[in-house]
Amino acid sequence: MAPIPPGAHPSGHRVERHLVDAIPIFDRLYRLDPPMDCRLLFDADGRLWMSDTPQERIMMVNNGLRTRGHTLVGGLGLGLYPQYAAGEAVGTATRFTVIEQSEVVCEIVAPTLEVALDVPLSIHIGDAADYLAGPVAERYDTIFLDTWETLDAAHLPVVNTLRDQALRHLTPDGRLLLWGYGWMLALFVDACQQLLALAPAQRADTLHARRGDSSQAIALLEPVLDRFSGDPVDDLPVALAWCRDYALNLKAAP
């Protein structure tokens, strides 16, 4: 794995080296020996934007294992995914077409990635969502999308819309990979389970009192209240299956 060199970019963005000597997995702390050499990308305002921490690498390895052939990448990140997806021990990507919205990210990441990869790489500045919503000019064996900042379940409508648009650009046996999608679904279903565990009369007040949730997240859960309004939930697995199907079909407003 070729790391991005640390340093400052003329835009004010900077890459910092960070040695990670322990990671939490299922509430248990595991020591790393030797420590893992990671990178943190901060934006011009000093906010952490991207990282290649162990947790992030694990997710990218899992996606890389499912990658093959000509691969469209929405969101360059720190260049982890292409390196795993084309690695002999992980994925079998044979060519990458990358769409990245940030010129700064391209300038920081592309030089390292171009040297690290031994397969063709083409990087385009643009919006992956616009490309996917447009006409199908080429079909891909794999499409990997990583354009949302966090794994918040509130992003599900946007991600689902991208999912449906991306499916049009796949070959007949192509694969669509969405960063953290399963985790976002699990978070949503877990929130539904907590809500439905309450007495029907308590659900609405409890939902709207949740300070940690965004208004968008609360709005996504309100149809769950309507669906089970006034009803105690006798068969929780069936109710949660409905919630999951509902989440899978959420769409962004046009």
Protein backbone atom coordinates (compact mmCIF):
# COMPACT_ATOMS: atom_id res chain seq x y z
CA MET A 1 0.00 0.00 0.00
CA ALA A 2 1.53 3.30 -1.13
CA PRO A 3 0.68 6.09 1.35
CA ILE A 4 0.13 9.69 0.33
CA PRO A 5 3.19 11.80 1.26
CA PRO A 6 2.50 14.13 4.20
CA GLY A 7 2.68 17.84 3.56
CA ALA A 8 0.76 21.04 2.84
CA HIS A 9 -1.03 21.88 -0.41
CA PRO A 10 -1.15 25.46 -1.76
CA SER A 11 -4.92 25.45 -1.20
CA GLY A 12 -4.42 25.12 2.55
CA HIS A 13 -5.26 21.43 2.65
CA ARG A 14 -2.69 19.27 4.38
CA VAL A 15 -1.87 15.59 4.78
CA GLU A 16 -0.56 14.46 8.15
CA ARG A 17 1.10 11.20 9.09
CA HIS A 18 -0.45 9.38 12.04
CA LEU A 19 0.76 6.19 13.69
CA VAL A 20 -2.10 4.05 14.99
CA ASP A 21 -1.09 1.58 17.70
CA ALA A 22 -4.54 0.36 18.77
CA ILE A 23 -8.02 0.00 17.28
CA PRO A 24 -11.40 -0.72 18.93
CA ILE A 25 -13.30 -3.71 17.51
CA PHE A 26 -16.66 -4.59 19.07
CA ASP A 27 -15.85 -2.61 22.23
CA ARG A 28 -12.49 -4.29 22.65
CA LEU A 29 -9.14 -2.55 22.14
CA TYR A 30 -6.60 -4.38 20.00
CA ARG A 31 -2.94 -3.36 19.96
CA LEU A 32 -1.07 -3.08 16.66
CA ASP A 33 2.56 -4.11 16.61
CA PRO A 34 4.12 -2.46 14.73
CA PRO A 35 1.82 0.59 14.62
CA MET A 36 0.03 1.27 11.33
CA ASP A 37 1.29 4.21 9.29
CA CYS A 38 -1.87 6.18 8.39
CA ARG A 39 -2.70 9.46 6.69
CA LEU A 40 -5.17 12.17 7.65
CA LEU A 41 -6.33 14.78 5.12
CA PHE A 42 -7.47 18.12 6.57
CA ASP A 43 -9.31 20.74 4.55
CA ALA A 44 -8.35 24.40 4.32
CA ASP A 45 -10.31 25.15 7.51
CA GLY A 46 -8.43 22.51 9.48
CA ARG A 47 -11.28 20.00 9.58
CA LEU A 48 -10.52 16.31 9.16
CA TRP A 49 -11.88 15.32 5.73
CA MET A 50 -10.47 11.88 4.93
CA SER A 51 -8.35 9.19 6.55
CA ASP A 52 -6.97 5.72 5.89
CA THR A 53 -7.34 4.37 9.41
CA PRO A 54 -7.49 0.60 10.02
CA GLN A 55 -11.28 0.61 10.02
CA GLU A 56 -11.31 2.38 6.66
CA ARG A 57 -8.76 -0.04 5.22
CA ILE A 58 -10.81 -3.04 6.32
CA MET A 59 -13.84 -1.68 4.47
CA MET A 60 -11.77 -1.00 1.35
CA VAL A 61 -10.26 -4.49 1.40
CA ASN A 62 -13.75 -5.99 1.58
CA ASN A 63 -14.85 -3.93 -1.40
CA GLY A 64 -11.62 -4.71 -3.24
CA LEU A 65 -12.27 -8.43 -2.87
CA ARG A 66 -15.49 -8.04 -4.84
CA THR A 67 -13.97 -5.95 -7.63
CA ARG A 68 -13.12 -7.12 -11.12
CA GLY A 69 -12.55 -5.78 -14.62
CA HIS A 70 -13.06 -2.20 -15.78
CA THR A 71 -14.06 -0.30 -12.66
CA LEU A 72 -15.78 3.06 -12.35
CA VAL A 73 -14.93 4.85 -9.11
CA GLY A 74 -17.06 7.70 -7.78
CA GLY A 75 -14.88 9.56 -5.27
CA LEU A 76 -11.10 9.18 -5.23
CA GLY A 77 -10.57 9.47 -1.48
CA LEU A 78 -6.98 8.80 -0.46
CA GLY A 79 -6.56 6.20 -3.18
CA LEU A 80 -7.02 3.15 -0.95
CA TYR A 81 -9.72 1.39 -2.92
CA PRO A 82 -7.97 1.24 -6.32
CA GLN A 83 -4.80 -0.10 -4.73
CA TYR A 84 -6.70 -2.91 -3.00
CA ALA A 85 -9.00 -3.55 -5.96
CA ALA A 86 -6.03 -4.07 -8.29
CA GLY A 87 -3.83 -5.89 -5.78
CA GLU A 88 -2.91 -9.47 -6.56
CA ALA A 89 -3.94 -10.63 -3.07
CA VAL A 90 -7.29 -8.78 -3.12
CA GLY A 91 -9.14 -7.59 -6.22
CA THR A 92 -8.85 -8.21 -9.95
CA ALA A 93 -9.55 -4.79 -11.41
CA THR A 94 -7.96 -4.36 -14.82
CA ARG A 95 -8.68 -0.67 -15.44
CA PHE A 96 -9.98 2.32 -13.47
CA THR A 97 -12.07 5.30 -14.53
CA VAL A 98 -12.33 7.72 -11.60
CA ILE A 99 -14.69 10.69 -11.26
CA GLU A 100 -13.62 13.09 -8.49
CA GLN A 101 -15.22 16.44 -7.82
CA SER A 102 -12.27 18.04 -6.03
CA GLU A 103 -9.28 19.20 -8.06
CA VAL A 104 -7.31 19.47 -4.81
CA VAL A 105 -7.90 15.80 -3.98
CA CYS A 106 -6.76 14.83 -7.47
CA GLU A 107 -3.60 16.91 -7.15
CA ILE A 108 -2.79 15.39 -3.75
CA VAL A 109 -3.67 11.75 -4.46
CA ALA A 110 -3.20 11.13 -8.17
CA PRO A 111 0.64 11.23 -8.29
CA THR A 112 0.93 8.47 -5.70
CA LEU A 113 -1.83 6.38 -7.24
CA GLU A 114 -0.42 6.60 -10.75
CA VAL A 115 2.88 5.18 -9.54
CA ALA A 116 1.32 2.52 -7.29
CA LEU A 117 -1.02 1.01 -9.88
CA ASP A 118 0.12 -1.23 -12.70
CA VAL A 119 -3.23 -1.04 -14.52
CA PRO A 120 -4.60 1.87 -16.61
CA LEU A 121 -5.98 4.79 -14.60
CA SER A 122 -8.07 7.67 -15.95
CA ILE A 123 -9.16 10.46 -13.58
CA HIS A 124 -11.84 13.01 -14.52
CA ILE A 125 -12.87 16.12 -12.59
CA GLY A 126 -16.63 16.14 -12.25
CA ASP A 127 -19.69 15.06 -10.30
CA ALA A 128 -20.25 11.31 -10.24
CA ALA A 129 -23.95 11.85 -9.58
CA ASP A 130 -24.29 13.92 -12.77
CA TYR A 131 -22.44 11.29 -14.76
CA LEU A 132 -24.59 8.45 -13.45
CA ALA A 133 -27.80 10.40 -14.09
CA GLY A 134 -26.77 11.00 -17.70
CA PRO A 135 -26.90 8.74 -20.74
CA VAL A 136 -25.14 5.39 -20.67
CA ALA A 137 -21.99 5.84 -22.75
CA GLU A 138 -20.04 2.88 -21.37
CA ARG A 139 -20.75 -0.12 -19.18
CA TYR A 140 -18.52 -1.22 -16.32
CA ASP A 141 -17.74 -4.55 -14.70
CA THR A 142 -17.67 -2.89 -11.27
CA ILE A 143 -18.88 0.46 -9.98
CA PHE A 144 -17.67 1.64 -6.57
CA LEU A 145 -19.24 4.75 -5.05
CA ASP A 146 -17.81 6.63 -2.07
CA THR A 147 -19.10 10.20 -2.34
CA TRP A 148 -20.93 10.68 0.98
CA GLU A 149 -18.99 12.06 3.92
CA THR A 150 -20.33 9.90 6.75
CA LEU A 151 -22.16 6.62 7.31
CA ASP A 152 -25.27 8.39 8.55
CA ALA A 153 -28.51 6.58 7.72
CA ALA A 154 -29.92 9.98 6.74
CA HIS A 155 -27.90 9.65 3.52
CA LEU A 156 -29.92 6.61 2.40
CA PRO A 157 -32.26 8.50 0.02
CA VAL A 158 -29.29 10.01 -1.84
CA VAL A 159 -27.36 6.73 -1.88
CA ASN A 160 -30.40 4.78 -3.09
CA THR A 161 -30.85 7.25 -5.93
CA LEU A 162 -27.20 6.88 -6.92
CA ARG A 163 -27.59 3.10 -6.66
CA ASP A 164 -30.47 2.98 -9.11
CA GLN A 165 -28.74 5.31 -11.56
CA ALA A 166 -25.48 3.35 -11.35
CA LEU A 167 -27.17 0.04 -12.13
CA ARG A 168 -27.86 1.30 -15.65
CA HIS A 169 -24.11 1.63 -16.30
CA LEU A 170 -23.18 -1.95 -15.38
CA THR A 171 -22.47 -4.85 -17.67
CA PRO A 172 -25.07 -7.67 -17.41
CA ASP A 173 -23.05 -9.44 -14.71
CA GLY A 174 -21.53 -6.27 -13.24
CA ARG A 175 -21.24 -5.45 -9.55
CA LEU A 176 -22.24 -2.29 -7.70
CA LEU A 177 -20.37 -1.52 -4.46
CA LEU A 178 -21.53 1.24 -2.11
CA TRP A 179 -19.22 2.37 0.70
CA GLY A 180 -20.78 1.59 4.08
CA TYR A 181 -24.24 0.89 2.66
CA GLY A 182 -24.88 -2.18 4.79
CA TRP A 183 -23.83 -0.28 7.89
CA MET A 184 -26.22 2.60 7.11
CA LEU A 185 -29.08 0.14 6.64
CA ALA A 186 -28.22 -1.54 9.94
CA LEU A 187 -28.21 1.82 11.73
CA PHE A 188 -31.62 2.65 10.33
CA VAL A 189 -33.13 -0.71 11.30
CA ASP A 190 -31.61 -0.38 14.78
CA ALA A 191 -33.23 3.06 15.18
CA CYS A 192 -36.54 1.54 14.10
CA GLN A 193 -36.16 -1.26 16.64
CA GLN A 194 -35.54 1.21 19.46
CA LEU A 195 -38.57 3.24 18.41
CA LEU A 196 -40.93 0.27 18.07
CA ALA A 197 -39.86 -1.11 21.44
CA LEU A 198 -41.61 1.86 23.06
CA ALA A 199 -45.29 2.05 23.91
CA PRO A 200 -47.20 3.52 20.93
CA ALA A 201 -48.10 6.67 22.85
CA GLN A 202 -44.42 7.39 23.60
CA ARG A 203 -42.93 6.98 20.14
CA ALA A 204 -43.59 10.37 18.55
CA ASP A 205 -42.46 12.41 21.55
CA THR A 206 -39.35 10.26 21.96
CA LEU A 207 -38.45 10.55 18.28
CA HIS A 208 -38.75 14.33 18.18
CA ALA A 209 -36.81 14.67 21.42
CA ARG A 210 -33.74 12.86 20.05
CA ARG A 211 -31.16 15.62 20.13
CA GLY A 212 -28.47 13.66 18.31
CA ASP A 213 -30.58 13.13 15.20
CA SER A 214 -30.78 15.56 12.32
CA SER A 215 -34.16 16.80 11.12
CA GLN A 216 -33.58 14.72 7.98
CA ALA A 217 -33.06 11.55 10.02
CA ILE A 218 -36.20 12.23 12.05
CA ALA A 219 -38.19 12.80 8.85
CA LEU A 220 -37.08 9.39 7.55
CA LEU A 221 -38.42 7.71 10.69
CA GLU A 222 -41.80 9.44 10.71
CA PRO A 223 -43.32 7.02 8.13
CA VAL A 224 -42.36 4.20 10.51
CA LEU A 225 -44.48 5.90 13.17
CA ASP A 226 -47.36 6.18 10.70
CA ARG A 227 -47.08 2.54 9.62
CA PHE A 228 -47.24 1.24 13.18
CA SER A 229 -49.35 4.03 14.66
CA GLY A 230 -51.26 2.94 17.71
CA ASP A 231 -50.12 -0.65 17.42
CA PRO A 232 -47.95 -2.57 19.84
CA VAL A 233 -45.50 -4.63 17.81
CA ASP A 234 -46.16 -8.31 18.40
CA ASP A 235 -43.91 -9.67 15.64
CA LEU A 236 -40.75 -7.56 15.72
CA PRO A 237 -38.86 -9.44 12.93
CA VAL A 238 -41.74 -8.84 10.52
CA ALA A 239 -41.93 -5.17 11.50
CA LEU A 240 -38.18 -4.70 11.06
CA ALA A 241 -38.31 -6.45 7.69
CA TRP A 242 -40.86 -3.81 6.64
CA CYS A 243 -38.54 -1.07 7.94
CA ARG A 244 -35.59 -2.45 6.00
CA ASP A 245 -37.60 -2.70 2.79
CA TYR A 246 -38.80 0.86 3.32
CA ALA A 247 -35.20 2.05 3.78
CA LEU A 248 -34.07 0.23 0.63
CA ASN A 249 -36.63 2.17 -1.38
CA LEU A 250 -36.08 5.66 0.00
CA LYS A 251 -35.25 8.14 -2.76
CA ALA A 252 -33.90 11.67 -2.86
CA ALA A 253 -36.28 14.42 -3.85
CA PRO A 254 -35.86 15.36 -7.54
